Protein backbone atom coordinates (compact mmCIF):
# COMPACT_ATOMS: atom_id res chain seq x y z
CA MET A 1 119.22 -41.09 166.78
CA THR A 2 118.55 -37.46 166.14
CA LEU A 3 119.03 -34.59 163.75
CA ILE A 4 119.91 -31.12 165.01
CA ALA A 5 120.89 -28.25 162.74
CA ALA A 6 122.00 -24.66 163.29
CA PHE A 7 122.16 -21.95 160.64
CA ARG A 8 123.80 -18.55 160.68
CA CYS A 9 121.42 -15.93 159.25
CA GLU A 10 120.25 -12.33 159.55
CA ILE A 11 117.69 -11.55 162.26
CA ASP A 12 116.42 -7.96 162.26
CA ASN A 13 119.44 -7.05 160.10
CA GLU A 14 121.82 -8.36 162.75
CA PRO A 15 123.79 -11.63 162.93
CA GLY A 16 121.69 -14.42 164.40
CA VAL A 17 121.15 -18.16 164.47
CA ILE A 18 118.26 -20.53 163.82
CA VAL A 19 118.47 -23.90 165.59
CA CYS A 20 116.11 -26.79 164.81
CA ALA A 21 115.67 -30.40 165.87
CA ASP A 22 113.37 -33.36 165.61
CA SER A 23 111.89 -34.94 168.75
CA GLN A 24 112.30 -38.71 168.52
CA GLU A 25 114.54 -40.71 170.81
CA THR A 26 114.99 -44.46 170.50
CA ILE A 27 115.55 -46.44 173.68
CA GLY A 28 116.10 -50.08 172.82
CA GLU A 29 113.03 -51.15 170.85
CA TYR A 30 110.98 -48.21 172.06
CA ARG A 31 110.55 -44.71 170.67
CA THR A 32 109.67 -41.70 172.72
CA THR A 33 109.26 -37.94 172.20
CA VAL A 34 111.86 -35.74 173.85
CA ASP A 35 112.80 -32.06 173.86
CA LYS A 36 116.26 -32.05 172.29
CA ILE A 37 116.90 -28.29 172.29
CA ILE A 38 115.83 -26.11 175.20
CA PRO A 39 116.80 -22.45 175.66
CA ARG A 40 118.35 -21.84 179.05
CA ILE A 41 119.29 -18.73 180.99
CA ALA A 42 122.78 -19.19 182.43
CA GLY A 43 123.75 -16.09 184.35
CA HIS A 44 124.72 -13.37 181.88
CA TYR A 45 124.09 -15.63 178.89
CA ASP A 46 121.35 -17.42 176.97
CA LEU A 47 122.22 -20.96 175.91
CA VAL A 48 120.81 -23.28 173.26
CA ILE A 49 122.57 -26.64 173.13
CA GLY A 50 121.80 -29.81 171.22
CA GLY A 51 123.81 -33.00 170.97
CA ALA A 52 123.89 -36.40 169.32
CA GLY A 53 124.78 -39.47 171.32
CA ILE A 54 123.58 -41.49 174.30
CA GLY A 55 120.77 -39.49 175.92
CA ASN A 56 122.05 -39.36 179.48
CA ILE A 57 125.57 -38.49 178.33
CA ILE A 58 124.27 -35.58 176.27
CA ASP A 59 122.01 -34.42 179.11
CA GLY A 60 124.95 -34.47 181.48
CA LEU A 61 127.09 -32.46 179.09
CA VAL A 62 124.38 -29.83 178.61
CA ASN A 63 123.96 -29.49 182.37
CA SER A 64 127.73 -29.24 182.89
CA ILE A 65 128.01 -26.43 180.33
CA GLU A 66 125.07 -24.58 181.86
CA ARG A 67 126.48 -24.82 185.39
CA ASP A 68 129.83 -23.46 184.27
CA VAL A 69 128.50 -20.67 182.04
CA ARG A 70 126.23 -19.51 184.85
CA HIS A 71 129.35 -18.23 186.64
CA TRP A 72 130.94 -16.45 183.68
CA ASP A 73 131.28 -12.68 183.64
CA ALA A 74 129.42 -10.89 180.86
CA GLY A 75 131.36 -9.78 177.79
CA LYS A 76 133.42 -12.89 177.06
CA SER A 77 134.96 -12.70 173.60
CA GLU A 78 134.24 -15.52 171.16
CA ASP A 79 137.80 -16.88 171.46
CA ILE A 80 137.77 -16.87 175.26
CA ALA A 81 134.29 -18.42 175.43
CA ARG A 82 135.33 -21.12 172.96
CA GLN A 83 138.39 -21.99 175.05
CA LEU A 84 136.34 -22.15 178.23
CA LEU A 85 133.87 -24.49 176.50
CA ALA A 86 136.76 -26.62 175.24
CA ASN A 87 137.94 -26.99 178.81
CA ILE A 88 134.47 -28.08 179.94
CA LEU A 89 134.28 -30.63 177.11
CA ALA A 90 137.74 -32.06 177.82
CA ASP A 91 136.97 -32.42 181.51
CA TYR A 92 133.57 -34.01 180.87
CA ILE A 93 134.93 -36.49 178.33
CA GLU A 94 137.81 -37.48 180.60
CA ASN A 95 135.81 -37.82 183.81
CA VAL A 96 132.40 -38.94 182.56
CA VAL A 97 132.33 -40.17 178.96
CA ARG A 98 135.56 -42.19 179.21
CA LEU A 99 134.16 -44.08 182.21
CA TYR A 100 130.83 -44.89 180.55
CA GLU A 101 130.43 -48.67 180.46
CA THR A 102 129.77 -49.88 176.93
CA THR A 103 131.07 -52.40 174.42
CA ASP A 104 130.49 -50.00 171.52
CA PRO A 105 133.06 -47.16 171.26
CA ASN A 106 130.54 -45.14 169.24
CA ASP A 107 128.46 -44.78 172.41
CA ARG A 108 131.21 -42.53 173.75
CA ARG A 109 131.08 -40.17 170.78
CA VAL A 110 129.78 -36.73 171.74
CA ASP A 111 128.87 -34.25 169.00
CA SER A 112 127.08 -31.04 169.86
CA ILE A 113 125.99 -27.61 168.71
CA VAL A 114 126.33 -24.76 171.20
CA CYS A 115 124.77 -21.33 170.63
CA LEU A 116 125.57 -18.63 173.20
CA ARG A 117 124.09 -15.15 173.47
CA ASP A 118 125.53 -12.45 175.71
CA ARG A 119 122.42 -11.00 177.36
CA LYS A 120 124.11 -7.62 177.87
CA SER A 121 125.70 -6.97 174.47
CA GLY A 122 123.45 -9.23 172.37
CA ALA A 123 126.48 -10.88 170.74
CA VAL A 124 125.59 -14.32 169.35
CA TYR A 125 128.18 -17.10 169.07
CA LEU A 126 127.80 -20.51 167.45
CA TRP A 127 130.08 -23.53 167.78
CA LYS A 128 130.12 -27.17 166.77
CA SER A 129 131.98 -29.72 168.86
CA ALA A 130 133.24 -33.17 167.96
CA GLY A 131 134.61 -34.84 171.05
CA PRO A 132 136.85 -32.32 172.85
CA VAL A 133 137.34 -30.19 169.71
CA ILE A 134 135.11 -27.14 169.41
CA GLU A 135 135.18 -24.73 166.47
CA ALA A 136 133.26 -21.61 165.46
CA VAL A 137 130.50 -22.03 162.88
CA THR A 138 130.27 -19.34 160.21
CA ASP A 139 127.57 -20.94 158.05
CA PHE A 140 125.69 -24.04 159.22
CA ARG A 141 126.27 -27.30 161.03
CA LEU A 142 124.36 -30.55 161.44
CA VAL A 143 124.80 -33.25 164.05
CA GLY A 144 123.08 -36.59 164.28
CA ALA A 145 121.81 -39.25 161.94
CA ASP A 146 122.91 -39.58 158.30
CA ILE A 147 124.21 -36.02 158.18
CA ALA A 148 126.20 -36.59 154.96
CA LEU A 149 122.91 -37.06 153.09
CA TYR A 150 121.30 -33.98 154.61
CA GLN A 151 124.38 -31.77 154.30
CA TYR A 152 124.15 -32.17 150.53
CA GLU A 153 120.62 -30.76 150.57
CA VAL A 154 121.57 -27.85 152.83
CA LYS A 155 124.63 -26.95 150.73
CA ARG A 156 122.33 -26.80 147.72
CA LEU A 157 119.91 -24.34 149.30
CA TYR A 158 121.66 -22.45 152.10
CA MET A 159 122.58 -18.79 151.60
CA PRO A 160 124.50 -17.01 154.41
CA GLU A 161 122.71 -13.73 153.79
CA SER A 162 119.26 -15.29 154.26
CA ASP A 163 116.87 -13.75 156.76
CA ALA A 164 115.34 -15.67 159.65
CA LEU A 165 112.13 -16.58 157.82
CA SER A 166 113.94 -18.02 154.79
CA THR A 167 116.18 -19.98 157.13
CA ILE A 168 113.22 -21.39 159.05
CA VAL A 169 111.72 -22.61 155.77
CA LEU A 170 115.03 -24.32 154.95
CA ALA A 171 115.20 -25.83 158.45
CA VAL A 172 111.69 -27.28 158.19
CA HIS A 173 112.39 -28.53 154.67
CA LEU A 174 115.52 -30.30 155.94
CA LEU A 175 113.70 -31.96 158.83
CA SER A 176 110.83 -32.96 156.52
CA ILE A 177 113.25 -34.73 154.18
CA ALA A 178 114.95 -36.38 157.15
CA LYS A 179 111.61 -37.67 158.43
CA ALA A 180 110.78 -39.06 154.98
CA THR A 181 114.12 -40.87 154.65
CA SER A 182 114.80 -42.08 158.21
CA ASN A 183 112.86 -44.08 160.76
CA ASN A 184 114.80 -42.26 163.47
CA ILE A 185 113.53 -38.73 162.72
CA GLU A 186 110.03 -37.69 163.76
CA GLU A 187 107.80 -34.70 164.49
CA PRO A 188 107.09 -32.48 166.23
CA PHE A 189 109.94 -30.34 164.97
CA LYS A 190 111.27 -27.55 167.14
CA VAL A 191 112.67 -24.23 165.87
CA ILE A 192 114.48 -21.68 168.05
CA GLY A 193 115.74 -18.25 167.01
CA VAL A 194 118.71 -16.53 168.66
CA GLY A 195 119.22 -12.88 167.79
CA ARG A 196 120.78 -9.76 169.22
CA ASN A 197 117.46 -8.77 170.80
CA GLY A 198 116.64 -12.10 172.37
CA VAL A 199 115.76 -15.76 171.96
CA TRP A 200 112.41 -17.22 171.00
CA ILE A 201 110.71 -20.53 170.27
CA GLU A 202 108.43 -20.73 167.26
CA PRO A 203 104.99 -22.13 168.26
CA ALA A 204 104.67 -25.83 167.53
CA LYS A 205 101.37 -25.35 165.67
CA LYS A 206 102.95 -22.93 163.19
CA ILE A 207 105.85 -25.27 162.54
CA THR A 208 103.48 -28.23 162.07
CA LEU A 209 101.40 -26.36 159.49
CA LEU A 210 104.53 -25.23 157.64
CA THR A 211 105.86 -28.81 157.71
CA GLN A 212 102.63 -30.13 156.19
CA ARG A 213 102.75 -27.63 153.34
CA ILE A 214 106.44 -28.21 152.58
CA THR A 215 105.92 -31.97 152.67
CA GLN A 216 103.07 -31.67 150.19
CA VAL A 217 105.19 -29.55 147.83
CA ASN A 218 108.07 -32.06 148.03
CA ASN A 219 105.73 -35.01 147.41
CA MET A 220 104.17 -33.35 144.37
CA LEU A 221 107.60 -32.45 142.99
CA GLY A 222 108.64 -36.08 143.34
CA ARG A 223 105.58 -37.25 141.42
CA LEU A 224 106.27 -34.74 138.65
CA LEU A 225 109.86 -35.95 138.27
CA ARG A 226 108.58 -39.51 138.12
CA ASP A 227 106.08 -38.57 135.39
CA VAL A 228 108.53 -36.65 133.17
CA PRO A 229 109.57 -39.79 131.22
CA ASN A 230 106.08 -41.31 131.36
CA PHE A 231 104.85 -40.76 127.82
CA THR A 232 101.69 -42.73 128.41
CA LEU A 233 100.50 -39.47 129.99
CA SER A 234 99.29 -36.86 127.59
CA ASP A 235 100.94 -33.44 127.55
CA GLU A 236 97.62 -32.02 128.74
CA THR A 237 97.53 -34.34 131.77
CA PHE A 238 101.12 -33.49 132.63
CA ALA A 239 100.39 -29.77 132.22
CA ASN A 240 97.43 -30.09 134.60
CA ALA A 241 99.73 -31.73 137.15
CA LEU A 242 102.14 -28.83 136.73
CA ASP A 243 99.31 -26.37 137.34
CA LEU A 244 98.36 -28.20 140.54
CA PHE A 245 102.00 -28.11 141.66
CA LEU A 246 102.22 -24.39 140.87
CA GLY A 247 99.11 -23.80 142.98
CA GLU A 248 100.66 -25.70 145.89
CA VAL A 249 103.88 -23.70 145.61
CA PHE A 250 101.94 -20.44 145.67
CA GLY A 251 100.02 -21.79 148.65
CA LEU A 252 103.34 -22.34 150.43
CA ARG A 253 104.47 -18.86 149.46
CA ASN A 254 101.25 -17.41 150.88
CA ASP A 255 101.66 -19.43 154.09
CA VAL A 256 105.21 -18.15 154.49
CA ALA A 257 104.06 -14.57 153.84
CA GLN A 258 101.66 -14.92 156.78
CA PHE A 259 104.23 -16.63 159.00
CA LYS A 260 105.14 -13.89 161.45
CA LEU A 261 108.22 -14.52 163.55
CA SER A 262 107.25 -14.94 167.17
CA HIS A 263 110.15 -12.82 168.36
CA SER A 264 108.61 -12.66 171.79
CA PRO A 265 111.30 -11.93 174.36
CA ILE A 266 112.08 -15.32 175.42
CA MET A 267 112.28 -16.87 178.45
CA GLN A 268 108.63 -16.16 178.63
CA ALA A 269 106.56 -17.20 181.54
CA MET A 270 106.94 -20.90 180.77
CA MET A 271 110.73 -20.65 181.05
CA GLY A 272 111.20 -17.85 183.53
CA THR A 273 110.25 -19.70 186.69
CA THR A 274 112.29 -22.76 185.85
CA GLN A 275 115.38 -20.76 185.05
CA LYS A 276 115.08 -18.67 188.22
CA ASP A 277 114.84 -21.84 190.24
CA ARG A 278 117.98 -23.19 188.58
CA SER A 279 120.03 -20.12 189.39
CA GLN A 280 119.18 -20.16 193.06
């Protein structure tokens, strides 16, 4: 199981997207760490794709989309790009997913998030697919495990006009809650930004530190809620706990203030060679 989320937001005062995911994959009785969202250069476009389902089916879909997009001309409109992706999905489901041998029909379910950036114009598109149906996303979308539970939390906190940093905090908060409530969600968490000026991956160390701080704040808030009706505690003891919580919240605020977006033009050295090899 997995949890992948994408959020529309403002990046450098332009429309952008933040995509995040956990890293755990369960294979039978075993758990392993996998990279569920990887930025890819596909000809005139940057691609970030994540999906929920059987691992090799999702991998095959991602590769099929990349191979097709690599041959697109630059400047595709959102409607045309969406229709082209719908065609890829329909073909893949008919010729690959339908033939997958399984006794569980749910194994053939393919849900994905596709973020596309035109490398020439900087236009950023975001879609969510369910089977062969693909629709534009104007706010946020989640795919994966127990999304009904996590959608409630995002609806409570998400604001479309949020900047990239606020959205990253929300993304890490969401994944932290998912980790705390599901055995199928695990760190390290990955966060990718897609903006008009490029794509970047936030360093894992920064995301880990932010996750630790947010988790601590959430744990302390939970203890405070538990202690509200506990009148065996004195008001002074409860007030001290509130002061400690306030200090932790300000600590988080200070951490976020120092959290500089990486923004490095992506497809940095670690990606460049691989992507060049793919296009040859």
